[in-house]
Amino acid sequence: MAVYDNTRTQYQAGGVASRISNMLASVIGAAATWNDARVTRNALSRLSDRELEDIGLSRGDIDFVVVKR
């Protein structure tokens, strides 16, 4: 008599899909975060020193503000 022992559930395939989905979401989130930082850095860099002073920043603060977000 042959015995077939299957300990793998059907839900494990969903686990792989879930991990791939999470990884893709993580990559997309990282790209969005990078783009937000890039846009913010460019916008602040275009401001004059007077405009930066009005919002309480100096040129040296731009990278700190972008990284802090």
N, C-alpha and C. Protein backbone atom coordinates (compact mmCIF):
# COMPACT_ATOMS: atom_id res chain seq x y z
N MET A 1 0.83 -1.15 0.00
CA MET A 1 0.00 0.00 0.00
C MET A 1 0.89 1.24 0.00
N ALA A 2 0.61 2.19 -0.87
CA ALA A 2 1.37 3.42 -0.99
C ALA A 2 0.75 4.49 -0.10
N VAL A 3 1.61 5.24 0.55
CA VAL A 3 1.15 6.31 1.43
C VAL A 3 1.71 7.63 0.89
N TYR A 4 0.85 8.58 0.75
CA TYR A 4 1.26 9.91 0.29
C TYR A 4 1.06 10.87 1.43
N ASP A 5 2.15 11.38 1.96
CA ASP A 5 2.08 12.30 3.09
C ASP A 5 2.39 13.71 2.60
N ASN A 6 1.40 14.55 2.63
CA ASN A 6 1.57 15.92 2.19
C ASN A 6 1.38 16.84 3.39
N THR A 7 2.49 17.40 3.87
CA THR A 7 2.41 18.27 5.04
C THR A 7 2.34 19.74 4.64
N ARG A 8 2.44 20.00 3.37
CA ARG A 8 2.40 21.38 2.88
C ARG A 8 0.95 21.78 2.63
N THR A 9 0.57 22.92 3.19
CA THR A 9 -0.79 23.39 2.99
C THR A 9 -0.89 24.23 1.73
N GLN A 10 -2.06 24.46 1.29
CA GLN A 10 -2.26 25.28 0.10
C GLN A 10 -1.96 26.74 0.40
N TYR A 11 -1.97 27.14 1.64
CA TYR A 11 -1.77 28.53 2.00
C TYR A 11 -0.31 28.95 1.91
N GLN A 12 0.62 28.01 1.83
CA GLN A 12 2.02 28.38 1.74
C GLN A 12 2.35 29.09 0.44
N ALA A 13 1.65 28.77 -0.61
CA ALA A 13 1.89 29.47 -1.87
C ALA A 13 1.53 30.94 -1.71
N GLY A 14 0.50 31.23 -0.93
CA GLY A 14 0.13 32.62 -0.66
C GLY A 14 1.19 33.34 0.13
N GLY A 15 1.93 32.62 0.95
CA GLY A 15 3.02 33.22 1.73
C GLY A 15 4.11 33.75 0.83
N VAL A 16 4.42 33.00 -0.21
CA VAL A 16 5.45 33.44 -1.16
C VAL A 16 4.95 34.69 -1.88
N ALA A 17 3.72 34.66 -2.32
CA ALA A 17 3.15 35.83 -3.01
C ALA A 17 3.12 37.03 -2.07
N SER A 18 2.83 36.80 -0.81
CA SER A 18 2.79 37.87 0.17
C SER A 18 4.18 38.47 0.37
N ARG A 19 5.20 37.62 0.44
CA ARG A 19 6.56 38.12 0.60
C ARG A 19 7.01 38.93 -0.61
N ILE A 20 6.66 38.45 -1.79
CA ILE A 20 7.01 39.19 -3.01
C ILE A 20 6.28 40.52 -3.04
N SER A 21 5.01 40.52 -2.67
CA SER A 21 4.22 41.74 -2.63
C SER A 21 4.80 42.73 -1.62
N ASN A 22 5.19 42.25 -0.45
CA ASN A 22 5.78 43.11 0.57
C ASN A 22 7.11 43.69 0.11
N MET A 23 7.90 42.87 -0.57
CA MET A 23 9.19 43.34 -1.07
C MET A 23 8.97 44.42 -2.13
N LEU A 24 8.03 44.20 -3.02
CA LEU A 24 7.73 45.19 -4.05
C LEU A 24 7.22 46.48 -3.43
N ALA A 25 6.36 46.37 -2.43
CA ALA A 25 5.85 47.56 -1.74
C ALA A 25 6.99 48.30 -1.04
N SER A 26 7.94 47.57 -0.49
CA SER A 26 9.08 48.18 0.17
C SER A 26 9.95 48.94 -0.83
N VAL A 27 10.18 48.35 -1.98
CA VAL A 27 10.99 49.02 -3.02
C VAL A 27 10.28 50.28 -3.51
N ILE A 28 8.99 50.18 -3.74
CA ILE A 28 8.22 51.34 -4.19
C ILE A 28 8.22 52.43 -3.12
N GLY A 29 8.07 52.04 -1.85
CA GLY A 29 8.11 53.00 -0.75
C GLY A 29 9.46 53.69 -0.65
N ALA A 30 10.53 52.94 -0.82
CA ALA A 30 11.87 53.53 -0.77
C ALA A 30 12.07 54.51 -1.92
N ALA A 31 11.58 54.17 -3.09
CA ALA A 31 11.70 55.07 -4.25
C ALA A 31 10.89 56.34 -4.02
N ALA A 32 9.71 56.21 -3.44
CA ALA A 32 8.88 57.38 -3.16
C ALA A 32 9.53 58.27 -2.11
N THR A 33 10.12 57.68 -1.08
CA THR A 33 10.80 58.45 -0.04
C THR A 33 12.00 59.19 -0.63
N TRP A 34 12.77 58.51 -1.47
CA TRP A 34 13.92 59.14 -2.12
C TRP A 34 13.46 60.30 -2.99
N ASN A 35 12.39 60.11 -3.75
CA ASN A 35 11.90 61.17 -4.62
C ASN A 35 11.40 62.37 -3.81
N ASP A 36 10.70 62.12 -2.72
CA ASP A 36 10.24 63.21 -1.86
C ASP A 36 11.42 64.02 -1.33
N ALA A 37 12.47 63.33 -0.89
CA ALA A 37 13.66 64.01 -0.39
C ALA A 37 14.32 64.82 -1.50
N ARG A 38 14.37 64.27 -2.70
CA ARG A 38 14.98 64.96 -3.84
C ARG A 38 14.20 66.23 -4.17
N VAL A 39 12.88 66.13 -4.21
CA VAL A 39 12.04 67.29 -4.54
C VAL A 39 12.18 68.37 -3.46
N THR A 40 12.18 67.96 -2.21
CA THR A 40 12.32 68.92 -1.11
C THR A 40 13.68 69.61 -1.16
N ARG A 41 14.74 68.82 -1.38
CA ARG A 41 16.08 69.39 -1.45
C ARG A 41 16.17 70.40 -2.60
N ASN A 42 15.62 70.04 -3.76
CA ASN A 42 15.66 70.96 -4.91
C ASN A 42 14.86 72.24 -4.64
N ALA A 43 13.70 72.10 -4.03
CA ALA A 43 12.86 73.27 -3.75
C ALA A 43 13.56 74.21 -2.77
N LEU A 44 14.14 73.65 -1.72
CA LEU A 44 14.84 74.49 -0.74
C LEU A 44 16.10 75.11 -1.33
N SER A 45 16.77 74.38 -2.22
CA SER A 45 17.99 74.90 -2.83
C SER A 45 17.71 76.07 -3.76
N ARG A 46 16.52 76.11 -4.33
CA ARG A 46 16.15 77.21 -5.23
C ARG A 46 15.81 78.50 -4.48
N LEU A 47 15.56 78.40 -3.19
CA LEU A 47 15.22 79.60 -2.42
C LEU A 47 16.47 80.46 -2.21
N SER A 48 16.24 81.75 -2.11
CA SER A 48 17.36 82.66 -1.83
C SER A 48 17.70 82.56 -0.34
N ASP A 49 18.86 83.11 0.01
CA ASP A 49 19.27 83.10 1.41
C ASP A 49 18.27 83.85 2.28
N ARG A 50 17.71 84.91 1.76
CA ARG A 50 16.71 85.70 2.49
C ARG A 50 15.45 84.87 2.73
N GLU A 51 14.99 84.16 1.71
CA GLU A 51 13.80 83.33 1.86
C GLU A 51 14.05 82.19 2.85
N LEU A 52 15.23 81.60 2.81
CA LEU A 52 15.57 80.55 3.77
C LEU A 52 15.58 81.12 5.19
N GLU A 53 16.13 82.33 5.35
CA GLU A 53 16.16 82.97 6.66
C GLU A 53 14.75 83.23 7.18
N ASP A 54 13.84 83.58 6.28
CA ASP A 54 12.45 83.84 6.68
C ASP A 54 11.79 82.60 7.27
N ILE A 55 12.17 81.42 6.79
CA ILE A 55 11.57 80.18 7.34
C ILE A 55 12.47 79.54 8.39
N GLY A 56 13.51 80.26 8.79
CA GLY A 56 14.35 79.81 9.89
C GLY A 56 15.41 78.79 9.51
N LEU A 57 15.84 78.81 8.26
CA LEU A 57 16.86 77.87 7.80
C LEU A 57 18.03 78.60 7.19
N SER A 58 19.14 77.90 7.08
CA SER A 58 20.29 78.40 6.33
C SER A 58 20.63 77.33 5.29
N ARG A 59 21.53 77.65 4.39
CA ARG A 59 21.91 76.68 3.35
C ARG A 59 22.43 75.38 3.96
N GLY A 60 23.13 75.48 5.07
CA GLY A 60 23.68 74.29 5.72
C GLY A 60 22.62 73.40 6.34
N ASP A 61 21.44 73.94 6.56
CA ASP A 61 20.36 73.16 7.18
C ASP A 61 19.58 72.31 6.18
N ILE A 62 19.74 72.56 4.90
CA ILE A 62 18.91 71.89 3.90
C ILE A 62 19.06 70.37 3.98
N ASP A 63 20.28 69.87 3.98
CA ASP A 63 20.47 68.41 4.03
C ASP A 63 19.94 67.83 5.33
N PHE A 64 20.10 68.55 6.44
CA PHE A 64 19.59 68.06 7.72
C PHE A 64 18.08 67.96 7.70
N VAL A 65 17.44 68.96 7.14
CA VAL A 65 15.96 68.97 7.07
C VAL A 65 15.47 67.83 6.18
N VAL A 66 16.13 67.61 5.07
CA VAL A 66 15.71 66.56 4.14
C VAL A 66 15.89 65.18 4.75
N VAL A 67 17.00 64.94 5.42
CA VAL A 67 17.26 63.64 6.04
C VAL A 67 16.32 63.41 7.21
N LYS A 68 16.00 64.45 7.96
CA LYS A 68 15.14 64.34 9.13
C LYS A 68 13.72 63.90 8.78
N ARG A 69 13.22 64.26 7.62
CA ARG A 69 11.86 63.94 7.21
C ARG A 69 11.72 62.48 7.25
